[in-house]
Amino acid sequence: MEKEKAEIASLVKKYGRVQSLMKYVNSDTLKESYSKQPKGKAVGVDEMTKEEYGEKLEENIEKLLVRMKKFPTSHTQSVEPTFRKEMES
């Protein structure tokens, strides 16, 4: 993951921002992020503790990756269909 961090830092330095970080998100980076989360904190919006999430970590991470990759890549993609429906009403 250090290589990815260095590449992101380089892009930020060159352009002042990074358009998309999704290409850096994978099973390994999510597992590393999971392992860095503190234990014993409040449950998340899914009402699941870190420990419960970790019981099926592989499965949960694969599901998370699928959801993340389906997420709209721009603001206009996520807002436009709703806006059109409102305008047609």
N, C-alpha and C. Protein backbone atom coordinates (compact mmCIF):
# COMPACT_ATOMS: atom_id res chain seq x y z
N MET A 1 0.82 -1.19 0.00
CA MET A 1 0.00 0.00 0.00
C MET A 1 0.87 1.26 0.00
N GLU A 2 2.09 1.15 0.40
CA GLU A 2 2.99 2.31 0.42
C GLU A 2 3.22 2.85 -0.98
N LYS A 3 3.30 1.96 -1.97
CA LYS A 3 3.48 2.39 -3.35
C LYS A 3 2.29 3.23 -3.80
N GLU A 4 1.08 2.77 -3.46
CA GLU A 4 -0.13 3.50 -3.82
C GLU A 4 -0.16 4.87 -3.15
N LYS A 5 0.21 4.92 -1.87
CA LYS A 5 0.23 6.20 -1.15
C LYS A 5 1.20 7.17 -1.81
N ALA A 6 2.35 6.68 -2.21
CA ALA A 6 3.35 7.54 -2.85
C ALA A 6 2.83 8.06 -4.19
N GLU A 7 2.14 7.21 -4.95
CA GLU A 7 1.60 7.63 -6.23
C GLU A 7 0.51 8.68 -6.05
N ILE A 8 -0.35 8.49 -5.06
CA ILE A 8 -1.40 9.47 -4.77
C ILE A 8 -0.77 10.80 -4.36
N ALA A 9 0.22 10.75 -3.48
CA ALA A 9 0.90 11.97 -3.03
C ALA A 9 1.54 12.70 -4.21
N SER A 10 2.11 11.95 -5.13
CA SER A 10 2.72 12.54 -6.31
C SER A 10 1.68 13.25 -7.18
N LEU A 11 0.52 12.63 -7.36
CA LEU A 11 -0.55 13.23 -8.15
C LEU A 11 -1.07 14.51 -7.49
N VAL A 12 -1.23 14.47 -6.18
CA VAL A 12 -1.71 15.65 -5.45
C VAL A 12 -0.69 16.78 -5.58
N LYS A 13 0.58 16.45 -5.45
CA LYS A 13 1.62 17.46 -5.57
C LYS A 13 1.62 18.07 -6.97
N LYS A 14 1.43 17.25 -7.98
CA LYS A 14 1.49 17.72 -9.37
C LYS A 14 0.24 18.51 -9.76
N TYR A 15 -0.96 18.00 -9.38
CA TYR A 15 -2.20 18.61 -9.84
C TYR A 15 -3.00 19.32 -8.76
N GLY A 16 -2.61 19.17 -7.50
CA GLY A 16 -3.36 19.80 -6.41
C GLY A 16 -4.55 18.99 -5.93
N ARG A 17 -4.87 17.91 -6.63
CA ARG A 17 -5.97 17.02 -6.23
C ARG A 17 -5.89 15.73 -7.05
N VAL A 18 -6.73 14.79 -6.68
CA VAL A 18 -6.81 13.53 -7.40
C VAL A 18 -8.27 13.32 -7.78
N GLN A 19 -8.53 13.04 -9.03
CA GLN A 19 -9.90 12.89 -9.51
C GLN A 19 -10.57 11.62 -9.00
N SER A 20 -9.87 10.51 -9.05
CA SER A 20 -10.48 9.25 -8.65
C SER A 20 -9.46 8.38 -7.90
N LEU A 21 -9.89 7.94 -6.75
CA LEU A 21 -9.03 7.05 -5.96
C LEU A 21 -9.46 5.59 -6.07
N MET A 22 -10.54 5.34 -6.80
CA MET A 22 -11.07 3.98 -6.87
C MET A 22 -10.07 2.97 -7.40
N LYS A 23 -9.16 3.38 -8.28
CA LYS A 23 -8.20 2.40 -8.81
C LYS A 23 -7.23 1.94 -7.73
N TYR A 24 -7.16 2.66 -6.61
CA TYR A 24 -6.28 2.28 -5.51
C TYR A 24 -7.00 1.45 -4.45
N VAL A 25 -8.30 1.32 -4.60
CA VAL A 25 -9.09 0.58 -3.61
C VAL A 25 -9.22 -0.86 -4.08
N ASN A 26 -8.77 -1.77 -3.23
CA ASN A 26 -8.89 -3.19 -3.52
C ASN A 26 -9.01 -3.95 -2.21
N SER A 27 -9.10 -5.23 -2.30
CA SER A 27 -9.28 -6.06 -1.11
C SER A 27 -8.15 -5.85 -0.09
N ASP A 28 -6.93 -5.77 -0.58
CA ASP A 28 -5.79 -5.59 0.33
C ASP A 28 -5.82 -4.25 1.05
N THR A 29 -6.12 -3.17 0.32
CA THR A 29 -6.14 -1.85 0.96
C THR A 29 -7.29 -1.76 1.96
N LEU A 30 -8.43 -2.38 1.66
CA LEU A 30 -9.55 -2.36 2.60
C LEU A 30 -9.24 -3.18 3.85
N LYS A 31 -8.57 -4.30 3.68
CA LYS A 31 -8.19 -5.11 4.85
C LYS A 31 -7.20 -4.35 5.73
N GLU A 32 -6.27 -3.64 5.10
CA GLU A 32 -5.32 -2.86 5.87
C GLU A 32 -6.03 -1.75 6.64
N SER A 33 -6.97 -1.10 5.99
CA SER A 33 -7.74 -0.05 6.67
C SER A 33 -8.56 -0.62 7.81
N TYR A 34 -9.14 -1.78 7.58
CA TYR A 34 -9.90 -2.46 8.64
C TYR A 34 -9.02 -2.73 9.85
N SER A 35 -7.82 -3.24 9.60
CA SER A 35 -6.93 -3.60 10.71
C SER A 35 -6.49 -2.37 11.51
N LYS A 36 -6.51 -1.20 10.90
CA LYS A 36 -6.10 0.03 11.59
C LYS A 36 -7.22 0.67 12.41
N GLN A 37 -8.45 0.20 12.20
CA GLN A 37 -9.57 0.77 12.95
C GLN A 37 -9.49 0.35 14.41
N PRO A 38 -9.77 1.28 15.33
CA PRO A 38 -9.71 0.94 16.75
C PRO A 38 -10.81 -0.04 17.15
N LYS A 39 -10.50 -0.86 18.13
CA LYS A 39 -11.47 -1.84 18.63
C LYS A 39 -12.34 -1.20 19.71
N GLY A 40 -13.51 -1.77 19.90
CA GLY A 40 -14.37 -1.37 21.01
C GLY A 40 -15.09 -0.05 20.83
N LYS A 41 -15.14 0.47 19.64
CA LYS A 41 -15.85 1.74 19.40
C LYS A 41 -17.33 1.46 19.14
N ALA A 42 -18.11 2.52 19.00
CA ALA A 42 -19.54 2.40 18.75
C ALA A 42 -19.79 1.67 17.43
N VAL A 43 -20.96 1.09 17.32
CA VAL A 43 -21.33 0.39 16.10
C VAL A 43 -21.50 1.39 14.97
N GLY A 44 -21.43 0.90 13.75
CA GLY A 44 -21.61 1.76 12.58
C GLY A 44 -23.07 1.91 12.22
N VAL A 45 -23.33 2.56 11.08
CA VAL A 45 -24.71 2.77 10.65
C VAL A 45 -25.42 1.45 10.38
N ASP A 46 -24.65 0.41 10.12
CA ASP A 46 -25.22 -0.91 9.90
C ASP A 46 -25.44 -1.66 11.22
N GLU A 47 -25.16 -0.98 12.33
CA GLU A 47 -25.32 -1.54 13.68
C GLU A 47 -24.45 -2.78 13.88
N MET A 48 -23.28 -2.79 13.28
CA MET A 48 -22.35 -3.90 13.39
C MET A 48 -21.05 -3.40 14.00
N THR A 49 -20.50 -4.17 14.92
CA THR A 49 -19.21 -3.81 15.51
C THR A 49 -18.08 -4.24 14.58
N LYS A 50 -16.91 -3.74 14.86
CA LYS A 50 -15.73 -4.13 14.08
C LYS A 50 -15.52 -5.64 14.19
N GLU A 51 -15.70 -6.15 15.38
CA GLU A 51 -15.49 -7.58 15.60
C GLU A 51 -16.48 -8.42 14.81
N GLU A 52 -17.76 -7.99 14.77
CA GLU A 52 -18.77 -8.72 14.00
C GLU A 52 -18.45 -8.66 12.51
N TYR A 53 -18.04 -7.49 12.04
CA TYR A 53 -17.68 -7.33 10.63
C TYR A 53 -16.52 -8.25 10.28
N GLY A 54 -15.57 -8.37 11.18
CA GLY A 54 -14.38 -9.18 10.95
C GLY A 54 -14.64 -10.67 10.92
N GLU A 55 -15.75 -11.12 11.49
CA GLU A 55 -16.06 -12.55 11.48
C GLU A 55 -16.22 -13.07 10.05
N LYS A 56 -16.70 -12.22 9.16
CA LYS A 56 -16.84 -12.58 7.74
C LYS A 56 -16.13 -11.52 6.91
N LEU A 57 -14.90 -11.22 7.27
CA LEU A 57 -14.17 -10.12 6.66
C LEU A 57 -14.05 -10.25 5.15
N GLU A 58 -13.64 -11.41 4.66
CA GLU A 58 -13.47 -11.61 3.21
C GLU A 58 -14.78 -11.33 2.47
N GLU A 59 -15.85 -11.93 2.95
CA GLU A 59 -17.16 -11.76 2.32
C GLU A 59 -17.62 -10.30 2.39
N ASN A 60 -17.46 -9.67 3.54
CA ASN A 60 -17.88 -8.28 3.71
C ASN A 60 -17.09 -7.34 2.81
N ILE A 61 -15.81 -7.58 2.68
CA ILE A 61 -14.98 -6.72 1.83
C ILE A 61 -15.34 -6.90 0.36
N GLU A 62 -15.60 -8.11 -0.06
CA GLU A 62 -15.99 -8.33 -1.45
C GLU A 62 -17.32 -7.63 -1.75
N LYS A 63 -18.27 -7.70 -0.83
CA LYS A 63 -19.55 -7.01 -1.01
C LYS A 63 -19.35 -5.50 -1.04
N LEU A 64 -18.48 -5.01 -0.18
CA LEU A 64 -18.18 -3.58 -0.14
C LEU A 64 -17.57 -3.11 -1.46
N LEU A 65 -16.65 -3.87 -1.99
CA LEU A 65 -16.03 -3.52 -3.28
C LEU A 65 -17.06 -3.45 -4.39
N VAL A 66 -17.98 -4.39 -4.41
CA VAL A 66 -19.03 -4.39 -5.43
C VAL A 66 -19.87 -3.12 -5.30
N ARG A 67 -20.28 -2.78 -4.07
CA ARG A 67 -21.08 -1.57 -3.85
C ARG A 67 -20.31 -0.32 -4.25
N MET A 68 -19.03 -0.26 -3.90
CA MET A 68 -18.22 0.91 -4.21
C MET A 68 -18.05 1.09 -5.71
N LYS A 69 -17.91 0.00 -6.43
CA LYS A 69 -17.70 0.10 -7.88
C LYS A 69 -18.98 0.45 -8.62
N LYS A 70 -20.13 0.21 -8.00
CA LYS A 70 -21.41 0.58 -8.59
C LYS A 70 -21.76 2.03 -8.30
N PHE A 71 -21.09 2.63 -7.34
CA PHE A 71 -21.39 4.00 -6.93
C PHE A 71 -21.12 4.94 -8.10
N PRO A 72 -22.02 5.91 -8.32
CA PRO A 72 -21.81 6.85 -9.44
C PRO A 72 -20.46 7.53 -9.36
N THR A 73 -19.86 7.76 -10.51
CA THR A 73 -18.52 8.35 -10.55
C THR A 73 -18.53 9.87 -10.57
N SER A 74 -19.71 10.46 -10.75
CA SER A 74 -19.76 11.92 -10.70
C SER A 74 -21.06 12.37 -10.09
N HIS A 75 -21.06 13.59 -9.62
CA HIS A 75 -22.23 14.17 -8.99
C HIS A 75 -23.41 14.21 -9.96
N THR A 76 -23.17 14.54 -11.20
CA THR A 76 -24.26 14.66 -12.17
C THR A 76 -24.93 13.33 -12.42
N GLN A 77 -24.18 12.24 -12.39
CA GLN A 77 -24.78 10.93 -12.61
C GLN A 77 -25.73 10.57 -11.48
N SER A 78 -25.42 10.94 -10.26
CA SER A 78 -26.25 10.56 -9.14
C SER A 78 -27.45 11.47 -8.97
N VAL A 79 -27.37 12.71 -9.43
CA VAL A 79 -28.44 13.68 -9.23
C VAL A 79 -29.36 13.78 -10.45
N GLU A 80 -28.84 13.63 -11.62
CA GLU A 80 -29.58 13.89 -12.85
C GLU A 80 -30.90 13.12 -12.96
N PRO A 81 -30.96 11.79 -12.73
CA PRO A 81 -32.24 11.10 -12.88
C PRO A 81 -33.32 11.66 -11.95
N THR A 82 -32.97 11.98 -10.72
CA THR A 82 -33.92 12.54 -9.77
C THR A 82 -34.39 13.91 -10.26
N PHE A 83 -33.47 14.72 -10.73
CA PHE A 83 -33.79 16.05 -11.23
C PHE A 83 -34.77 15.96 -12.40
N ARG A 84 -34.52 15.04 -13.32
CA ARG A 84 -35.41 14.88 -14.47
C ARG A 84 -36.82 14.51 -14.03
N LYS A 85 -36.94 13.57 -13.08
CA LYS A 85 -38.24 13.15 -12.58
C LYS A 85 -38.98 14.33 -11.98
N GLU A 86 -38.29 15.16 -11.21
CA GLU A 86 -38.92 16.32 -10.60
C GLU A 86 -39.38 17.31 -11.65
N MET A 87 -38.61 17.48 -12.70
CA MET A 87 -38.95 18.43 -13.76
C MET A 87 -40.16 17.95 -14.57
N GLU A 88 -40.29 16.63 -14.72
CA GLU A 88 -41.37 16.07 -15.49
C GLU A 88 -42.70 16.09 -14.74
N SER A 89 -42.64 16.17 -13.42
CA SER A 89 -43.85 16.14 -12.59
C SER A 89 -44.63 17.44 -12.67
